[in-house]
C-alpha atoms as a PDB file:
ATOM      1  CA  ALA A   1     103.693 -68.219 -34.732  1.00  0.00           C
ATOM      2  CA  THR A   2     104.536 -67.912 -38.694  1.00  0.00           C
ATOM      3  CA  TYR A   3     107.879 -66.122 -39.057  1.00  0.00           C
ATOM      4  CA  GLY A   4     108.785 -64.241 -42.032  1.00  0.00           C
ATOM      5  CA  PRO A   5     106.446 -62.390 -42.160  1.00  0.00           C
ATOM      6  CA  TRP A   6     104.390 -62.509 -38.922  1.00  0.00           C
ATOM      7  CA  GLY A   7     100.697 -64.127 -38.582  1.00  0.00           C
ATOM      8  CA  ARG A   8     100.720 -65.696 -42.133  1.00  0.00           C
ATOM      9  CA  GLN A   9      99.102 -68.249 -43.240  1.00  0.00           C
ATOM     10  CA  SER A  10     101.689 -71.596 -43.456  1.00  0.00           C
ATOM     11  CA  GLN A  11     101.329 -73.668 -46.398  1.00  0.00           C
ATOM     12  CA  PHE A  12     102.217 -76.210 -44.397  1.00  0.00           C
ATOM     13  CA  CYS A  13      98.584 -76.110 -42.744  1.00  0.00           C
ATOM     14  CA  ASN A  14      97.355 -79.046 -40.678  1.00  0.00           C
ATOM     15  CA  ASN A  15      93.127 -78.794 -39.692  1.00  0.00           C
ATOM     16  CA  ASN A  16      94.631 -79.930 -36.348  1.00  0.00           C
ATOM     17  CA  TRP A  17      96.609 -76.648 -36.090  1.00  0.00           C
ATOM     18  CA  LEU A  18      95.838 -74.877 -32.639  1.00  0.00           C
ATOM     19  CA  ILE A  19      94.624 -71.271 -34.025  1.00  0.00           C
ATOM     20  CA  ASN A  20      94.422 -71.402 -37.127  1.00  0.00           C
ATOM     21  CA  CYS A  21      96.843 -72.106 -40.407  1.00  0.00           C
ATOM     22  CA  SER A  22      99.728 -68.655 -38.242  1.00  0.00           C
ATOM     23  CA  ARG A  23      98.910 -70.693 -35.160  1.00  0.00           C
ATOM     24  CA  PRO A  24     100.093 -73.811 -35.493  1.00  0.00           C
ATOM     25  CA  ALA A  25     100.719 -75.460 -31.795  1.00  0.00           C
ATOM     26  CA  ASP A  26     100.622 -74.898 -28.116  1.00  0.00           C
ATOM     27  CA  LEU A  27     104.272 -75.126 -25.112  1.00  0.00           C
ATOM     28  CA  LYS A  28     103.476 -79.051 -24.145  1.00  0.00           C
ATOM     29  CA  GLU A  29     104.785 -77.378 -20.395  1.00  0.00           C
ATOM     30  CA  ALA A  30     102.886 -75.725 -17.936  1.00  0.00           C
ATOM     31  CA  SER A  31     105.693 -72.928 -18.124  1.00  0.00           C
ATOM     32  CA  VAL A  32     109.126 -72.790 -19.149  1.00  0.00           C
ATOM     33  CA  ALA A  33     111.931 -71.258 -16.628  1.00  0.00           C
ATOM     34  CA  PRO A  34     114.731 -69.008 -17.753  1.00  0.00           C
ATOM     35  CA  GLY A  35     117.745 -71.184 -20.161  1.00  0.00           C
ATOM     36  CA  GLN A  36     115.448 -74.522 -19.753  1.00  0.00           C
ATOM     37  CA  ILE A  37     113.661 -76.588 -22.697  1.00  0.00           C
ATOM     38  CA  GLY A  38     110.168 -76.630 -24.208  1.00  0.00           C
ATOM     39  CA  THR A  39     108.342 -78.740 -26.247  1.00  0.00           C
ATOM     40  CA  PHE A  40     106.210 -77.920 -29.690  1.00  0.00           C
ATOM     41  CA  GLU A  41     104.227 -80.686 -31.751  1.00  0.00           C
ATOM     42  CA  PHE A  42     102.754 -80.064 -34.545  1.00  0.00           C
ATOM     43  CA  PRO A  43     101.401 -81.859 -37.727  1.00  0.00           C
ATOM     44  CA  ILE A  44     101.618 -81.162 -40.765  1.00  0.00           C
ATOM     45  CA  LYS A  45     100.164 -81.548 -44.482  1.00  0.00           C
ATOM     46  CA  ALA A  46     102.498 -81.207 -47.930  1.00  0.00           C
ATOM     47  CA  PRO A  47     101.878 -79.057 -50.305  1.00  0.00           C
ATOM     48  CA  ALA A  48     100.389 -80.930 -53.232  1.00  0.00           C
ATOM     49  CA  ALA A  49     103.606 -79.708 -55.665  1.00  0.00           C
ATOM     50  CA  PRO A  50     106.905 -81.589 -55.173  1.00  0.00           C
ATOM     51  CA  GLY A  51     109.508 -79.385 -53.974  1.00  0.00           C
ATOM     52  CA  VAL A  52     111.579 -77.025 -51.602  1.00  0.00           C
ATOM     53  CA  TYR A  53     110.203 -75.670 -48.880  1.00  0.00           C
ATOM     54  CA  ASN A  54     111.566 -73.168 -46.375  1.00  0.00           C
ATOM     55  CA  GLU A  55     109.195 -72.804 -43.231  1.00  0.00           C
ATOM     56  CA  ASN A  56     109.928 -70.588 -39.875  1.00  0.00           C
ATOM     57  CA  PHE A  57     108.140 -70.177 -36.995  1.00  0.00           C
ATOM     58  CA  SER A  58     109.023 -68.247 -33.892  1.00  0.00           C
ATOM     59  CA  PRO A  59     107.266 -68.364 -30.036  1.00  0.00           C
ATOM     60  CA  VAL A  60     104.502 -66.386 -28.975  1.00  0.00           C
ATOM     61  CA  VAL A  61     103.042 -65.634 -26.151  1.00  0.00           C
ATOM     62  CA  ASP A  62      99.067 -64.284 -27.721  1.00  0.00           C
ATOM     63  CA  GLY A  63      98.265 -60.929 -26.335  1.00  0.00           C
ATOM     64  CA  ARG A  64     101.425 -60.703 -25.095  1.00  0.00           C
ATOM     65  CA  SER A  65     104.652 -60.435 -25.770  1.00  0.00           C
ATOM     66  CA  VAL A  66     106.238 -61.629 -29.317  1.00  0.00           C
ATOM     67  CA  PHE A  67     109.753 -62.896 -29.438  1.00  0.00           C
ATOM     68  CA  ASP A  68     112.771 -61.472 -31.921  1.00  0.00           C
ATOM     69  CA  ALA A  69     114.255 -62.719 -35.168  1.00  0.00           C
ATOM     70  CA  SER A  70     116.701 -64.933 -33.050  1.00  0.00           C
ATOM     71  CA  SER A  71     113.962 -66.951 -32.132  1.00  0.00           C
ATOM     72  CA  ALA A  72     112.958 -67.594 -34.739  1.00  0.00           C
ATOM     73  CA  MET A  73     113.300 -71.327 -36.416  1.00  0.00           C
ATOM     74  CA  ASN A  74     113.731 -72.437 -39.662  1.00  0.00           C
ATOM     75  CA  PHE A  75     113.173 -76.208 -41.322  1.00  0.00           C
ATOM     76  CA  ASN A  76     113.967 -76.688 -44.658  1.00  0.00           C
ATOM     77  CA  ILE A  77     111.447 -79.381 -45.911  1.00  0.00           C
ATOM     78  CA  THR A  78     111.343 -81.273 -48.983  1.00  0.00           C
ATOM     79  CA  VAL A  79     107.789 -82.820 -51.052  1.00  0.00           C
ATOM     80  CA  ARG A  80     108.108 -85.725 -53.361  1.00  0.00           C
END
């Protein structure tokens, strides 16, 4: 899910995102054990204006749990 704040609409949203512009992808694996690696893949659409953008995502278990800030993933994306 988008993070900072939670559930906001991402400016990188693509029509193929999982639920809406705040949920880009689902976990590719059926489950991930503690200490193992999970995979998320999703397309992004560049904003029309060139610049350096910062985007944040964090894992969510919909309807059950959200992860704390230490799980957030931060991406700096340059659009030319």
